[in-house]
Amino acid sequence: MQAEEKLVTNMLYGLAAGNSSKLTEIARSLEEEITIKKTVERLSRGLQKFKGNSVIQENYLKTVQEYIDNTTIYPIDNSDVAKPYSVAMESLHKIHDGSTGEITNGYMTLEITALTHKTKVALPVYEHVYSASEENFISEDEEVLKGLRFLSKRFGHGGIRVMDRGYDANVYIRYFVQNKEHFIIRMKKNRVVKHNGKSVGIEELASRYKGKCVMKCTLQGEEVYCKVTEIPIQLPAFGKQQFYLVVVSGFGKNPMLLLTNCRSSDSRFCVAIAKMYLLRWRIEDHFRFKKQQYDFENFRVRRLNAIRTLHQLVTLLTGYLALLTQHAGTAISCILRQAARSIPKSRKRPPKKLFHYELAAGLARLLRKTSANLMVHFPPMRRRPNDTQLLLFSYSDWVRTVNS
């Protein structure tokens, strides 16, 4: 087995069994016949020198390809990795910690997920950790555009890109217009648009319409009825290019303003736009899952390449678990959920409705209970003659391994 293949195998196994991003916890899960200190040093060196990121990414994307087509919804958002007490990590920079609202040291991440048609689970398809202190850093806009270009190149121009109001900027709208891609962006309240040839503030324009459709949704556990309408508009920077402003009233104190270039002859299409935007919250659940289930912000590696590799492996593991949610009735899903429910009452069990957390807890419990060596779970991987590509186990191999 090659060194990088062994590293990926060890890391994924350790993450799944230990439910932690700390190398010490991963090392304990591996149960090697050497000291934990030596295992941690080996894993740390491997993460720092790892160069197979693009290969394992491509292998993973081949697996999720079947769940993506021209109607897929792509939530796009960034997140923060706060390291307030760190001083020696590479390229630390001041960021806004979304959990506390404070400015602290850390890194930013950009992620793009694809929502499956069956269960609307977020499958990660792009992730990148970056810092404004990096030597080659240009701007946050450029980091987002890199992700959008990757998405277009890898999956084409189909689907709908969904973004929060932090991305209400002409640079992104221009990208979508030039590439003829559909998008939904929540708009800021200070926008000035054109309606019937006249410039008008977006809030004032929204107040003129009371809503032509009714949409039922849940807000903080209570059912509310929102009024939704769409208004044809133009943006000053885009000439006569036609856009649509979707106004959702009743979902909070102020109306929710959505900009889109999607169009349909269906009179209730504006309701579909509003519902597709609300699905953007699935990427927030994805962020929360990684930080809570795998304690990602609590890692201890220092080098930026090691941080990126660790984040990629945690993201891939969450992606594999998301794939399992597509097959809730299969044997492996039932076994993992039953294992999670057999956790002693003295320990915290994941709620049944949180399928991701149940699968992760069940997988960890099964791996901890096994008395077999790690290599029993993963078959030997050898290179064929003249094969220079890094060979990593596929999702189907991973499923068969856990099922056995």
Protein backbone atom coordinates (compact mmCIF):
# COMPACT_ATOMS: atom_id res chain seq x y z
CA MET A 1 0.00 0.00 0.00
CA GLN A 2 1.36 3.41 -0.95
CA ALA A 3 1.97 5.99 1.79
CA GLU A 4 -0.76 8.41 0.66
CA GLU A 5 -3.29 5.62 0.25
CA LYS A 6 -2.49 4.40 3.74
CA LEU A 7 -2.86 7.93 5.10
CA VAL A 8 -6.32 8.42 3.55
CA THR A 9 -7.45 5.00 4.78
CA ASN A 10 -6.17 5.64 8.29
CA MET A 11 -7.64 9.13 8.48
CA LEU A 12 -11.12 8.17 7.24
CA TYR A 13 -11.24 5.17 9.55
CA GLY A 14 -10.01 7.22 12.50
CA LEU A 15 -12.44 10.05 11.82
CA ALA A 16 -15.37 7.65 11.51
CA ALA A 17 -14.45 5.69 14.64
CA GLY A 18 -13.29 8.57 16.82
CA ASN A 19 -15.84 11.22 15.78
CA SER A 20 -13.12 13.80 16.26
CA SER A 21 -10.69 15.79 14.13
CA LYS A 22 -7.98 15.62 16.80
CA LEU A 23 -5.08 13.50 15.62
CA THR A 24 -4.76 12.00 19.12
CA GLU A 25 -8.33 10.66 18.97
CA ILE A 26 -7.78 9.39 15.43
CA ALA A 27 -4.58 7.66 16.59
CA ARG A 28 -6.41 5.98 19.48
CA SER A 29 -9.03 4.66 17.06
CA LEU A 30 -6.33 3.09 14.86
CA GLU A 31 -4.95 1.03 17.79
CA GLU A 32 -1.54 0.59 16.21
CA GLU A 33 1.21 -1.37 17.90
CA ILE A 34 3.23 1.78 18.51
CA THR A 35 2.76 4.69 20.88
CA ILE A 36 0.03 7.22 20.18
CA LYS A 37 2.71 9.90 19.97
CA LYS A 38 4.41 8.12 17.07
CA THR A 39 1.08 7.61 15.26
CA VAL A 40 0.23 11.30 15.64
CA GLU A 41 3.63 12.30 14.26
CA ARG A 42 3.16 10.00 11.26
CA LEU A 43 -0.32 11.33 10.50
CA SER A 44 0.83 14.93 10.95
CA ARG A 45 3.73 14.48 8.51
CA GLY A 46 1.44 12.77 6.01
CA LEU A 47 -1.14 15.58 6.12
CA GLN A 48 1.54 18.23 5.66
CA LYS A 49 3.07 16.52 2.60
CA PHE A 50 -0.15 15.18 1.05
CA LYS A 51 -0.52 15.96 -2.69
CA GLY A 52 -3.35 13.67 -3.76
CA ASN A 53 -6.20 16.11 -3.03
CA SER A 54 -7.36 16.41 -6.63
CA VAL A 55 -7.35 12.63 -7.09
CA ILE A 56 -9.50 11.78 -4.08
CA GLN A 57 -11.79 14.67 -4.98
CA GLU A 58 -12.30 13.31 -8.49
CA ASN A 59 -12.89 9.77 -7.21
CA TYR A 60 -15.53 11.08 -4.83
CA LEU A 61 -17.23 13.21 -7.51
CA LYS A 62 -17.52 10.18 -9.79
CA THR A 63 -19.56 8.57 -7.04
CA VAL A 64 -21.98 11.50 -6.57
CA GLN A 65 -22.32 12.16 -10.31
CA GLU A 66 -25.42 9.97 -10.61
CA TYR A 67 -27.29 12.16 -8.13
CA ILE A 68 -26.73 15.35 -10.16
CA ASP A 69 -28.49 16.55 -13.31
CA ASN A 70 -29.73 19.76 -14.94
CA THR A 71 -32.38 20.32 -12.25
CA THR A 72 -30.05 20.05 -9.24
CA ILE A 73 -30.08 22.83 -6.64
CA TYR A 74 -26.59 24.02 -5.59
CA PRO A 75 -26.48 25.92 -2.26
CA ILE A 76 -23.27 27.97 -2.09
CA ASP A 77 -21.95 29.55 1.09
CA ASN A 78 -18.85 30.18 3.14
CA SER A 79 -18.13 29.30 6.73
CA ASP A 80 -15.49 30.13 9.29
CA VAL A 81 -13.00 28.02 11.19
CA ALA A 82 -12.32 29.98 14.37
CA LYS A 83 -9.00 29.40 16.18
CA PRO A 84 -9.06 32.18 18.81
CA TYR A 85 -6.24 30.76 20.95
CA SER A 86 -3.88 29.81 18.14
CA VAL A 87 -0.78 31.85 17.33
CA ALA A 88 1.57 29.41 15.52
CA MET A 89 -0.74 28.15 12.76
CA GLU A 90 0.24 29.01 9.22
CA SER A 91 -1.50 32.02 7.55
CA LEU A 92 -3.83 32.84 10.43
CA HIS A 93 -6.04 35.83 9.67
CA LYS A 94 -8.73 37.88 11.37
CA ILE A 95 -12.21 36.52 10.58
CA HIS A 96 -15.76 37.03 11.79
CA ASP A 97 -16.79 34.13 14.01
CA GLY A 98 -20.39 33.37 13.09
CA SER A 99 -20.99 31.55 16.38
CA THR A 100 -19.96 34.36 18.72
CA GLY A 101 -20.17 37.40 16.45
CA GLU A 102 -16.62 38.38 17.41
CA ILE A 103 -13.52 39.05 15.33
CA THR A 104 -10.92 36.39 15.97
CA ASN A 105 -8.12 34.37 14.35
CA GLY A 106 -9.00 31.62 11.93
CA TYR A 107 -9.68 30.61 8.35
CA MET A 108 -12.53 30.84 5.86
CA THR A 109 -14.02 28.00 3.87
CA LEU A 110 -16.09 28.06 0.71
CA GLU A 111 -18.33 25.09 0.03
CA ILE A 112 -20.77 24.10 -2.69
CA THR A 113 -23.26 21.30 -2.12
CA ALA A 114 -25.73 19.54 -4.39
CA LEU A 115 -29.15 18.68 -3.01
CA THR A 116 -30.32 15.19 -3.90
CA HIS A 117 -33.73 14.90 -5.56
CA LYS A 118 -35.01 12.19 -3.22
CA THR A 119 -34.27 13.54 0.25
CA LYS A 120 -32.76 16.99 -0.42
CA VAL A 121 -29.63 15.99 1.50
CA ALA A 122 -26.57 18.18 0.90
CA LEU A 123 -23.84 16.34 -1.01
CA PRO A 124 -20.60 18.37 -0.89
CA VAL A 125 -19.13 18.81 -4.37
CA TYR A 126 -16.57 21.58 -3.73
CA GLU A 127 -14.68 22.75 -0.67
CA HIS A 128 -11.71 25.01 -0.11
CA VAL A 129 -10.04 26.46 2.97
CA TYR A 130 -8.39 29.83 2.42
CA SER A 131 -6.90 32.76 4.29
CA ALA A 132 -6.39 36.40 3.38
CA SER A 133 -2.84 36.07 4.74
CA GLU A 134 -1.82 33.62 2.02
CA GLU A 135 0.82 34.81 -0.42
CA ASN A 136 -1.34 34.16 -3.52
CA PHE A 137 -4.63 35.38 -2.04
CA ILE A 138 -6.39 37.90 -4.31
CA SER A 139 -9.83 38.51 -2.82
CA GLU A 140 -12.82 36.71 -1.37
CA ASP A 141 -14.70 37.34 -4.61
CA GLU A 142 -11.99 35.52 -6.52
CA GLU A 143 -12.21 32.54 -4.16
CA VAL A 144 -15.96 32.32 -4.78
CA LEU A 145 -15.47 32.64 -8.54
CA LYS A 146 -12.96 29.77 -8.42
CA GLY A 147 -15.64 27.60 -6.88
CA LEU A 148 -18.23 28.69 -9.45
CA ARG A 149 -15.83 27.98 -12.32
CA PHE A 150 -15.09 24.53 -10.92
CA LEU A 151 -18.80 23.79 -10.64
CA SER A 152 -19.43 24.88 -14.23
CA LYS A 153 -16.49 22.91 -15.58
CA ARG A 154 -17.24 19.72 -13.64
CA PHE A 155 -21.05 19.58 -13.84
CA GLY A 156 -21.94 21.97 -16.66
CA HIS A 157 -24.15 25.04 -16.62
CA GLY A 158 -27.37 23.27 -15.63
CA GLY A 159 -29.03 23.40 -12.23
CA ILE A 160 -29.79 26.40 -10.02
CA ARG A 161 -27.19 28.21 -7.91
CA VAL A 162 -28.63 29.45 -4.59
CA MET A 163 -26.78 32.06 -2.51
CA ASP A 164 -27.43 34.20 0.54
CA ARG A 165 -27.49 38.02 0.63
CA GLY A 166 -23.76 38.15 1.31
CA TYR A 167 -23.35 37.34 -2.40
CA ASP A 168 -25.62 40.11 -3.66
CA ALA A 169 -22.90 41.62 -5.85
CA ASN A 170 -22.68 42.41 -9.55
CA VAL A 171 -19.55 40.29 -9.95
CA TYR A 172 -21.50 37.07 -9.29
CA ILE A 173 -24.60 38.09 -11.21
CA ARG A 174 -22.39 38.96 -14.18
CA TYR A 175 -20.77 35.53 -14.03
CA PHE A 176 -24.17 33.81 -14.11
CA VAL A 177 -25.43 36.00 -16.96
CA GLN A 178 -22.33 35.44 -19.08
CA ASN A 179 -22.46 31.67 -18.56
CA LYS A 180 -26.26 31.46 -18.93
CA GLU A 181 -26.69 29.84 -15.54
CA HIS A 182 -29.80 30.03 -13.38
CA PHE A 183 -29.46 31.53 -9.93
CA ILE A 184 -31.37 32.69 -6.85
CA ILE A 185 -29.73 35.33 -4.64
CA ARG A 186 -31.23 36.99 -1.61
CA MET A 187 -30.96 40.74 -2.10
CA LYS A 188 -29.83 43.48 0.24
CA LYS A 189 -32.29 46.21 1.11
CA ASN A 190 -30.20 49.06 -0.27
CA ARG A 191 -30.46 47.92 -3.89
CA VAL A 192 -31.83 50.30 -6.53
CA VAL A 193 -33.55 48.59 -9.47
CA LYS A 194 -35.50 49.60 -12.54
CA HIS A 195 -39.19 48.82 -12.88
CA ASN A 196 -41.24 49.98 -15.86
CA GLY A 197 -38.31 52.11 -16.95
CA LYS A 198 -38.00 54.02 -13.64
CA SER A 199 -35.40 53.67 -10.89
CA VAL A 200 -36.80 52.72 -7.51
CA GLY A 201 -35.54 51.41 -4.18
CA ILE A 202 -36.08 47.69 -3.82
CA GLU A 203 -37.92 48.00 -0.49
CA GLU A 204 -40.27 50.62 -1.86
CA LEU A 205 -41.01 48.48 -4.91
CA ALA A 206 -41.69 45.43 -2.74
CA SER A 207 -44.14 47.40 -0.58
CA ARG A 208 -46.35 48.09 -3.61
CA TYR A 209 -47.22 44.40 -4.00
CA LYS A 210 -49.19 42.40 -1.46
CA GLY A 211 -48.62 38.95 -2.93
CA LYS A 212 -50.56 36.90 -5.43
CA CYS A 213 -49.79 33.39 -4.07
CA VAL A 214 -49.90 31.82 -0.62
CA MET A 215 -47.13 29.55 0.66
CA LYS A 216 -47.29 27.53 3.87
CA CYS A 217 -44.02 27.09 5.72
CA THR A 218 -42.71 26.42 9.23
CA LEU A 219 -41.06 29.21 11.22
CA GLN A 220 -39.54 28.31 14.60
CA GLY A 221 -41.79 25.27 14.89
CA GLU A 222 -45.00 27.07 13.94
CA GLU A 223 -46.84 26.96 10.64
CA VAL A 224 -47.14 30.35 8.96
CA TYR A 225 -48.71 31.41 5.69
CA CYS A 226 -46.60 33.69 3.51
CA LYS A 227 -47.65 35.76 0.54
CA VAL A 228 -45.40 35.52 -2.51
CA THR A 229 -45.27 37.55 -5.70
CA GLU A 230 -42.80 38.16 -8.52
CA ILE A 231 -41.95 41.47 -10.15
CA PRO A 232 -40.05 41.86 -13.44
CA ILE A 233 -37.12 44.23 -12.96
CA GLN A 234 -33.81 45.32 -14.47
CA LEU A 235 -30.54 46.10 -12.75
CA PRO A 236 -28.74 49.35 -13.72
CA ALA A 237 -25.44 47.55 -14.37
CA PHE A 238 -27.02 45.04 -16.78
CA GLY A 239 -29.00 47.23 -19.17
CA LYS A 240 -32.16 45.60 -20.47
CA GLN A 241 -31.34 42.15 -19.09
CA GLN A 242 -34.54 40.78 -17.55
CA PHE A 243 -34.57 39.61 -13.92
CA TYR A 244 -37.34 38.84 -11.46
CA LEU A 245 -37.75 40.02 -7.90
CA VAL A 246 -39.57 37.47 -5.74
CA VAL A 247 -41.06 39.06 -2.62
CA VAL A 248 -41.96 36.77 0.30
CA SER A 249 -44.02 38.51 3.01
CA GLY A 250 -44.78 36.90 6.36
CA PHE A 251 -41.52 34.97 6.74
CA GLY A 252 -40.15 37.20 9.49
CA LYS A 253 -40.70 40.89 10.23
CA ASN A 254 -39.43 42.18 6.90
CA PRO A 255 -40.19 40.74 3.46
CA MET A 256 -37.59 38.39 1.99
CA LEU A 257 -36.31 39.68 -1.35
CA LEU A 258 -34.98 37.18 -3.88
CA LEU A 259 -33.38 37.94 -7.24
CA THR A 260 -33.54 35.29 -9.96
CA ASN A 261 -33.29 34.83 -13.70
CA CYS A 262 -35.45 31.70 -13.61
CA ARG A 263 -38.71 31.97 -15.48
CA SER A 264 -41.77 29.79 -16.03
CA SER A 265 -45.29 30.25 -17.39
CA ASP A 266 -46.68 28.66 -14.22
CA SER A 267 -48.41 31.34 -12.13
CA ARG A 268 -47.13 29.75 -8.91
CA PHE A 269 -43.52 29.51 -10.02
CA CYS A 270 -42.61 32.29 -7.57
CA VAL A 271 -43.56 29.91 -4.74
CA ALA A 272 -41.16 27.31 -6.13
CA ILE A 273 -38.39 29.95 -6.18
CA ALA A 274 -39.05 30.79 -2.52
CA LYS A 275 -39.02 27.13 -1.53
CA MET A 276 -35.78 26.49 -3.42
CA TYR A 277 -34.14 29.38 -1.60
CA LEU A 278 -35.28 28.06 1.77
CA LEU A 279 -33.51 24.78 0.93
CA ARG A 280 -30.28 26.77 1.11
CA TRP A 281 -30.37 26.12 4.85
CA ARG A 282 -29.31 22.54 4.13
CA ILE A 283 -25.75 23.77 3.64
CA GLU A 284 -25.89 25.38 7.10
CA ASP A 285 -26.85 21.96 8.48
CA HIS A 286 -23.86 20.54 6.62
CA PHE A 287 -21.52 23.03 8.31
CA ARG A 288 -23.04 22.32 11.72
CA PHE A 289 -22.73 18.56 11.24
CA LYS A 290 -19.00 18.74 10.55
CA LYS A 291 -18.34 21.01 13.52
CA GLN A 292 -20.52 19.12 16.00
CA GLN A 293 -20.15 15.49 14.95
CA TYR A 294 -16.46 15.61 14.00
CA ASP A 295 -15.42 18.59 16.13
CA PHE A 296 -13.65 20.09 13.14
CA GLU A 297 -12.78 23.46 14.69
CA ASN A 298 -10.88 21.62 17.42
CA PHE A 299 -8.10 20.25 15.18
CA ARG A 300 -4.45 20.67 16.16
CA VAL A 301 -2.50 20.60 12.89
CA ARG A 302 -0.61 23.80 12.08
CA ARG A 303 0.33 23.81 8.39
CA LEU A 304 -2.18 25.12 5.87
CA ASN A 305 -1.82 22.09 3.58
CA ALA A 306 -2.51 19.80 6.54
CA ILE A 307 -5.58 21.85 7.48
CA ARG A 308 -6.88 21.69 3.91
CA THR A 309 -6.32 17.95 3.65
CA LEU A 310 -7.99 17.32 6.99
CA HIS A 311 -10.98 19.47 5.98
CA GLN A 312 -11.26 17.64 2.67
CA LEU A 313 -11.28 14.23 4.37
CA VAL A 314 -13.92 15.32 6.91
CA THR A 315 -16.01 16.68 4.03
CA LEU A 316 -15.68 13.44 2.06
CA LEU A 317 -16.74 11.42 5.09
CA THR A 318 -19.86 13.57 5.51
CA GLY A 319 -20.49 13.07 1.80
CA TYR A 320 -20.36 9.28 2.16
CA LEU A 321 -22.80 9.45 5.07
CA ALA A 322 -25.07 11.69 2.99
CA LEU A 323 -25.07 9.03 0.29
CA LEU A 324 -26.20 6.47 2.86
CA THR A 325 -29.24 8.61 3.66
CA GLN A 326 -30.44 7.96 0.10
CA HIS A 327 -30.87 4.29 0.99
CA ALA A 328 -32.66 4.44 4.34
CA GLY A 329 -34.15 0.94 4.01
CA THR A 330 -30.97 -0.90 3.11
CA ALA A 331 -29.26 -3.30 5.49
CA ILE A 332 -26.29 -1.07 6.20
CA SER A 333 -28.44 1.94 7.11
CA CYS A 334 -30.63 -0.16 9.39
CA ILE A 335 -27.57 -1.69 11.10
CA LEU A 336 -25.97 1.70 11.71
CA ARG A 337 -29.18 3.24 13.05
CA GLN A 338 -29.75 0.26 15.35
CA ALA A 339 -26.17 0.59 16.62
CA ALA A 340 -26.81 4.26 17.39
CA ARG A 341 -29.97 3.42 19.32
CA SER A 342 -28.07 0.82 21.36
CA ILE A 343 -25.81 3.51 22.83
CA PRO A 344 -26.16 3.36 26.66
CA LYS A 345 -28.57 5.87 28.18
CA SER A 346 -25.73 7.31 30.21
CA ARG A 347 -24.30 8.69 26.96
CA LYS A 348 -25.98 11.17 24.67
CA ARG A 349 -27.86 9.55 21.79
CA PRO A 350 -28.51 11.39 18.53
CA PRO A 351 -32.19 12.24 17.86
CA LYS A 352 -33.90 9.81 15.48
CA LYS A 353 -34.98 12.62 13.16
CA LEU A 354 -31.34 13.64 12.58
CA PHE A 355 -30.47 10.85 10.17
CA HIS A 356 -26.90 12.05 9.56
CA TYR A 357 -26.06 12.03 13.25
CA GLU A 358 -27.59 8.59 13.76
CA LEU A 359 -25.54 7.08 10.94
CA ALA A 360 -22.33 8.71 12.17
CA ALA A 361 -22.89 7.60 15.77
CA GLY A 362 -23.82 4.07 14.68
CA LEU A 363 -20.75 3.77 12.46
CA ALA A 364 -18.48 4.97 15.26
CA ARG A 365 -20.00 2.49 17.70
CA LEU A 366 -19.57 -0.45 15.34
CA LEU A 367 -15.95 0.42 14.55
CA ARG A 368 -15.11 0.83 18.24
CA LYS A 369 -16.64 -2.53 19.11
CA THR A 370 -14.75 -4.51 16.49
CA SER A 371 -11.76 -6.51 17.65
CA ALA A 372 -10.30 -6.88 14.14
CA ASN A 373 -7.34 -4.97 12.80
CA LEU A 374 -7.92 -1.97 10.55
CA MET A 375 -6.62 -3.79 7.48
CA VAL A 376 -9.44 -6.36 7.77
CA HIS A 377 -11.90 -3.59 6.96
CA PHE A 378 -9.99 -2.30 3.95
CA PRO A 379 -8.70 -4.75 1.34
CA PRO A 380 -5.11 -4.36 0.19
CA MET A 381 -4.68 -1.77 -2.55
CA ARG A 382 -1.90 -2.35 -5.06
CA ARG A 383 -0.78 -0.49 -8.13
CA ARG A 384 -0.99 -2.07 -11.51
CA PRO A 385 2.17 -1.91 -13.64
CA ASN A 386 2.55 1.48 -15.37
CA ASP A 387 -0.36 2.93 -13.33
CA THR A 388 0.61 6.35 -11.99
CA GLN A 389 -2.79 7.36 -10.64
CA LEU A 390 -3.38 7.25 -6.90
CA LEU A 391 -5.82 4.41 -6.30
CA LEU A 392 -8.24 4.96 -3.42
CA PHE A 393 -11.14 2.78 -2.38
CA SER A 394 -14.49 3.64 -3.88
CA TYR A 395 -17.76 4.35 -2.10
CA SER A 396 -19.08 0.88 -3.00
CA ASP A 397 -16.00 -0.71 -1.40
CA TRP A 398 -16.55 1.43 1.68
CA VAL A 399 -20.20 0.34 1.94
CA ARG A 400 -19.30 -3.34 1.53
CA THR A 401 -16.59 -2.96 4.16
CA VAL A 402 -18.90 -1.48 6.81
CA ASN A 403 -21.70 -3.91 5.90
CA SER A 404 -19.38 -6.84 6.51
